[in-house]
Amino acid sequence: MNLKKELTKIVEKYVDVIKKQSKAASVDDLVKDEATIARLNRIYDTKDVLEYLYDMYEEDTELTARINKYSLGTVFAEVYDIDNYYIEYYNSGDDDWLVWINDALDQDFPLEYAK
């Protein structure tokens, strides 16, 4: 699996949906639409978080195993969801951000191992 390529496809789909939902008739209107801008920012932040975790912390997060079990689309949707705090953890600057993300991944995407 080429994660970056697959993420780009998912992002394009999310952006297309946002563009269709937006009532902006021009770029000037779009810039003024704070809700749309916030959604777009969250889409790209989600992509950045997942790429960073995959590139730098794949072993710690077991992201590949989670994607294989639940699908990249499902993982993306959960990280993107406003009710979850993955992006906020990542952007917090706190030393424990990775611990919080791992805890959230374990809760949202549990991996079962033989005991």
Protein backbone atom coordinates (compact mmCIF):
# COMPACT_ATOMS: atom_id res chain seq x y z
CA MET A 1 0.00 0.00 0.00
CA ASN A 2 1.22 3.47 -0.85
CA LEU A 3 -0.12 5.41 2.12
CA LYS A 4 0.55 8.88 0.72
CA LYS A 5 -1.15 8.07 -2.58
CA GLU A 6 -4.18 6.55 -0.84
CA LEU A 7 -4.41 9.49 1.57
CA THR A 8 -4.35 11.91 -1.34
CA LYS A 9 -7.33 10.11 -2.90
CA ILE A 10 -9.25 10.24 0.37
CA VAL A 11 -8.44 13.93 0.86
CA GLU A 12 -9.62 14.72 -2.67
CA LYS A 13 -12.95 13.00 -1.97
CA TYR A 14 -13.41 14.90 1.31
CA VAL A 15 -12.52 18.21 -0.37
CA ASP A 16 -14.98 17.51 -3.20
CA VAL A 17 -17.75 16.94 -0.67
CA ILE A 18 -16.87 20.17 1.16
CA LYS A 19 -16.85 22.12 -2.11
CA LYS A 20 -20.29 20.75 -3.00
CA GLN A 21 -21.65 21.61 0.43
CA SER A 22 -20.21 25.12 0.43
CA LYS A 23 -22.51 27.94 -0.57
CA ALA A 24 -19.57 30.06 -1.71
CA ALA A 25 -20.02 31.36 -5.24
CA SER A 26 -16.46 32.66 -5.53
CA VAL A 27 -13.05 32.35 -3.93
CA ASP A 28 -13.75 35.58 -2.04
CA ASP A 29 -16.91 34.03 -0.58
CA LEU A 30 -15.01 30.85 0.28
CA VAL A 31 -12.37 32.78 2.21
CA LYS A 32 -15.14 34.35 4.30
CA ASP A 33 -16.81 30.99 5.00
CA GLU A 34 -15.12 30.11 8.29
CA ALA A 35 -16.90 26.76 8.69
CA THR A 36 -15.72 25.55 5.29
CA ILE A 37 -12.19 26.76 5.96
CA ALA A 38 -12.20 24.94 9.32
CA ARG A 39 -13.34 21.70 7.65
CA LEU A 40 -10.68 22.01 4.96
CA ASN A 41 -8.02 22.68 7.58
CA ARG A 42 -9.13 19.62 9.53
CA ILE A 43 -8.96 17.45 6.40
CA TYR A 44 -5.37 18.47 5.69
CA ASP A 45 -4.42 18.26 9.38
CA THR A 46 -5.76 14.70 9.43
CA LYS A 47 -3.65 13.83 6.40
CA ASP A 48 -0.58 15.39 8.04
CA VAL A 49 -1.12 13.52 11.31
CA LEU A 50 -1.51 10.15 9.61
CA GLU A 51 1.50 10.69 7.34
CA TYR A 52 3.63 11.77 10.28
CA LEU A 53 2.57 8.83 12.43
CA TYR A 54 3.23 6.45 9.55
CA ASP A 55 6.62 7.93 8.68
CA MET A 56 7.97 8.54 12.18
CA TYR A 57 6.06 6.37 14.65
CA GLU A 58 4.63 3.44 12.72
CA GLU A 59 6.22 0.91 15.07
CA ASP A 60 4.88 2.70 18.17
CA THR A 61 1.36 3.21 16.81
CA GLU A 62 1.06 -0.01 14.79
CA LEU A 63 -0.70 2.14 12.22
CA THR A 64 -0.21 -0.31 9.35
CA ALA A 65 -1.84 -3.13 11.32
CA ARG A 66 -4.76 -0.86 12.22
CA ILE A 67 -5.18 0.24 8.60
CA ASN A 68 -5.05 -3.38 7.42
CA LYS A 69 -7.72 -4.35 9.94
CA TYR A 70 -10.04 -1.34 9.71
CA SER A 71 -9.11 0.33 6.34
CA LEU A 72 -7.42 3.63 5.74
CA GLY A 73 -10.75 5.31 5.01
CA THR A 74 -12.14 4.29 8.39
CA VAL A 75 -9.02 5.41 10.24
CA PHE A 76 -9.04 8.72 8.36
CA ALA A 77 -12.71 9.31 9.15
CA GLU A 78 -12.19 8.66 12.86
CA VAL A 79 -9.13 10.92 13.11
CA TYR A 80 -10.95 13.63 11.12
CA ASP A 81 -14.08 13.43 13.31
CA ILE A 82 -14.57 16.59 15.35
CA ASP A 83 -15.56 14.48 18.37
CA ASN A 84 -12.06 13.00 18.53
CA TYR A 85 -8.92 14.80 19.58
CA TYR A 86 -6.16 13.26 17.48
CA ILE A 87 -5.37 16.52 15.72
CA GLU A 88 -5.54 18.50 18.94
CA TYR A 89 -3.15 16.04 20.62
CA TYR A 90 -0.75 16.27 17.68
CA ASN A 91 -0.82 20.07 17.65
CA SER A 92 -0.69 20.46 21.44
CA GLY A 93 3.08 20.66 21.73
CA ASP A 94 2.83 18.54 24.87
CA ASP A 95 5.47 15.87 25.40
CA ASP A 96 2.75 13.24 25.90
CA TRP A 97 0.95 13.80 22.59
CA LEU A 98 2.05 10.42 21.20
CA VAL A 99 0.90 8.60 24.35
CA TRP A 100 -2.54 10.23 24.01
CA ILE A 101 -2.76 9.32 20.34
CA ASN A 102 -1.76 5.72 21.09
CA ASP A 103 -4.41 5.51 23.81
CA ALA A 104 -7.03 6.86 21.40
CA LEU A 105 -5.92 4.46 18.65
CA ASP A 106 -6.12 1.54 21.09
CA GLN A 107 -9.64 2.57 22.05
CA ASP A 108 -10.92 3.31 18.55
CA PHE A 109 -9.00 0.61 16.65
CA PRO A 110 -8.13 -2.23 19.03
CA LEU A 111 -5.75 -4.90 17.83
CA GLU A 112 -6.23 -8.37 19.26
CA TYR A 113 -3.17 -10.45 19.92
CA ALA A 114 -2.98 -14.08 20.96
CA LYS A 115 -2.09 -14.46 24.62
